[in-house]
């Protein structure tokens, strides 16, 4: 399964951006193919964005935001599911992704923000406890 991970990134402290990497590592270790919005390459869009700004009578930052949001939708559309990070409802781009995913019939999952648990974590904990004589 290929999953797109999205969440608020503007003005978010670096320690909260780590959640993208944590989830990507976790899901990839469980045989998912993961794309995060942080992984999306943007440099090749500069010329297109400049042309759009020139043709549109809107603020350049707004045109850039719309353009980048549509690129996120395009990358998500190539996936099988959408995974949203906490506070996604406060991010306009995430809301757009949510609506697009629902329109495409794509499953949408929401991160609870809890600790990530490895598939065999209970086995490892049980083994450790037995080695230490805690059982």
Protein backbone atom coordinates (compact mmCIF):
# COMPACT_ATOMS: atom_id res chain seq x y z
CA UNK A 1 0.00 0.00 0.00
CA UNK A 2 1.22 3.48 -0.84
CA UNK A 3 0.28 6.14 1.71
CA UNK A 4 0.58 9.93 1.68
CA UNK A 5 1.32 11.59 5.05
CA UNK A 6 0.28 15.19 5.54
CA UNK A 7 0.02 17.62 8.40
CA UNK A 8 0.54 21.21 9.37
CA UNK A 9 4.09 22.34 8.55
CA UNK A 10 3.97 26.14 8.49
CA UNK A 11 5.28 27.55 11.74
CA UNK A 12 5.57 24.09 13.29
CA UNK A 13 8.59 23.51 15.57
CA UNK A 14 11.21 21.10 14.25
CA UNK A 15 10.48 18.55 16.98
CA UNK A 16 6.88 18.26 15.65
CA UNK A 17 8.14 17.86 12.09
CA UNK A 18 10.00 14.75 13.30
CA UNK A 19 6.61 13.01 13.38
CA UNK A 20 6.74 12.77 9.58
CA UNK A 21 10.02 10.83 9.79
CA UNK A 22 8.84 8.68 12.71
CA UNK A 23 5.72 7.61 10.85
CA UNK A 24 7.56 7.13 7.58
CA UNK A 25 10.11 4.86 9.27
CA UNK A 26 7.40 2.93 11.09
CA UNK A 27 5.19 2.37 8.05
CA UNK A 28 8.11 1.51 5.75
CA UNK A 29 9.27 -1.11 8.28
CA UNK A 30 5.80 -2.63 7.86
CA UNK A 31 6.06 -2.79 4.04
CA UNK A 32 4.17 0.40 3.19
CA UNK A 33 5.43 2.78 0.52
CA UNK A 34 5.32 6.26 2.02
CA UNK A 35 5.27 9.75 0.54
CA UNK A 36 5.18 12.75 2.83
CA UNK A 37 4.51 16.30 1.79
CA UNK A 38 8.05 17.06 2.96
CA UNK A 39 9.35 14.64 0.29
CA UNK A 40 7.68 16.49 -2.59
CA UNK A 41 10.23 18.26 -4.81
CA UNK A 42 9.36 21.88 -5.47
CA UNK A 43 12.36 23.52 -7.21
CA UNK A 44 11.17 22.68 -10.73
CA UNK A 45 7.99 24.66 -10.06
CA UNK A 46 9.67 28.07 -9.84
CA UNK A 47 9.14 29.01 -13.50
CA UNK A 48 5.54 27.78 -13.49
CA UNK A 49 4.77 29.69 -10.30
CA UNK A 50 6.27 32.89 -11.69
CA UNK A 51 4.09 32.59 -14.81
CA UNK A 52 1.01 31.95 -12.68
CA UNK A 53 1.76 34.96 -10.46
CA UNK A 54 2.19 37.15 -13.54
CA UNK A 55 -1.18 36.03 -14.99
CA UNK A 56 -3.16 36.21 -11.77
CA UNK A 57 -4.21 39.37 -9.97
CA UNK A 58 -3.79 37.78 -6.55
CA UNK A 59 -1.04 38.11 -3.99
CA UNK A 60 2.07 36.13 -5.06
CA UNK A 61 2.12 34.21 -1.75
CA UNK A 62 -1.48 33.11 -2.27
CA UNK A 63 -0.83 31.96 -5.84
CA UNK A 64 2.24 30.05 -4.67
CA UNK A 65 0.23 28.40 -1.87
CA UNK A 66 -2.53 27.32 -4.28
CA UNK A 67 0.02 25.94 -6.73
CA UNK A 68 1.90 23.99 -4.04
CA UNK A 69 -1.35 22.69 -2.54
CA UNK A 70 -2.40 21.33 -5.93
CA UNK A 71 0.96 19.60 -6.28
CA UNK A 72 0.32 17.90 -2.92
CA UNK A 73 -3.07 16.74 -4.20
CA UNK A 74 -1.40 15.35 -7.34
CA UNK A 75 1.12 13.34 -5.29
CA UNK A 76 -1.58 12.12 -2.90
CA UNK A 77 -3.77 11.04 -5.83
CA UNK A 78 -1.04 8.56 -6.79
CA UNK A 79 -1.34 6.88 -3.38
CA UNK A 80 -3.82 4.41 -1.90
CA UNK A 81 -4.52 6.21 1.40
CA UNK A 82 -4.08 9.52 3.21
CA UNK A 83 -2.67 9.73 6.75
CA UNK A 84 -3.19 13.04 8.56
CA UNK A 85 -1.15 14.30 11.50
CA UNK A 86 -2.68 15.91 14.60
CA UNK A 87 -4.16 19.40 14.15
CA UNK A 88 -4.71 18.72 10.45
CA UNK A 89 -8.07 20.53 10.70
CA UNK A 90 -6.16 23.79 11.32
CA UNK A 91 -4.27 23.49 8.02
CA UNK A 92 -6.05 24.59 4.85
CA UNK A 93 -3.88 22.37 2.61
CA UNK A 94 -4.71 19.32 4.76
CA UNK A 95 -8.42 20.10 4.48
CA UNK A 96 -8.05 20.23 0.69
CA UNK A 97 -6.25 16.87 0.76
CA UNK A 98 -8.95 15.39 3.00
CA UNK A 99 -11.74 16.53 0.65
CA UNK A 100 -9.85 15.29 -2.43
CA UNK A 101 -9.15 11.91 -0.80
CA UNK A 102 -12.81 11.47 0.14
CA UNK A 103 -13.89 12.47 -3.38
CA UNK A 104 -11.57 9.77 -4.78
CA UNK A 105 -12.89 7.18 -2.32
CA UNK A 106 -9.49 6.94 -0.67
CA UNK A 107 -9.28 5.82 2.98
CA UNK A 108 -8.22 8.58 5.36
CA UNK A 109 -6.47 7.81 8.65
CA UNK A 110 -5.79 10.31 11.43
CA UNK A 111 -2.74 10.15 13.70
CA UNK A 112 -3.62 10.15 17.38
CA UNK A 113 -0.18 11.54 18.16
CA UNK A 114 0.53 8.59 20.42
CA UNK A 115 3.70 6.59 20.67
CA UNK A 116 4.51 4.47 17.67
CA UNK A 117 4.54 0.78 18.46
CA UNK A 118 6.58 -1.70 16.45
CA UNK A 119 4.84 -4.84 15.25
CA UNK A 120 6.93 -7.09 17.51
CA UNK A 121 7.26 -4.68 20.44
CA UNK A 122 5.25 -6.88 22.83
CA UNK A 123 7.42 -9.91 21.96
CA UNK A 124 10.60 -7.94 22.63
CA UNK A 125 9.20 -6.60 25.93
CA UNK A 126 8.14 -10.12 27.01
CA UNK A 127 11.57 -11.51 26.09
CA UNK A 128 13.32 -8.73 28.03
CA UNK A 129 11.09 -9.25 31.08
CA UNK A 130 11.76 -13.01 31.02
CA UNK A 131 15.51 -12.39 30.77
CA UNK A 132 15.35 -10.04 33.76
CA UNK A 133 13.17 -12.46 35.72
CA UNK A 134 10.23 -10.07 35.86
CA UNK A 135 7.68 -12.65 34.65
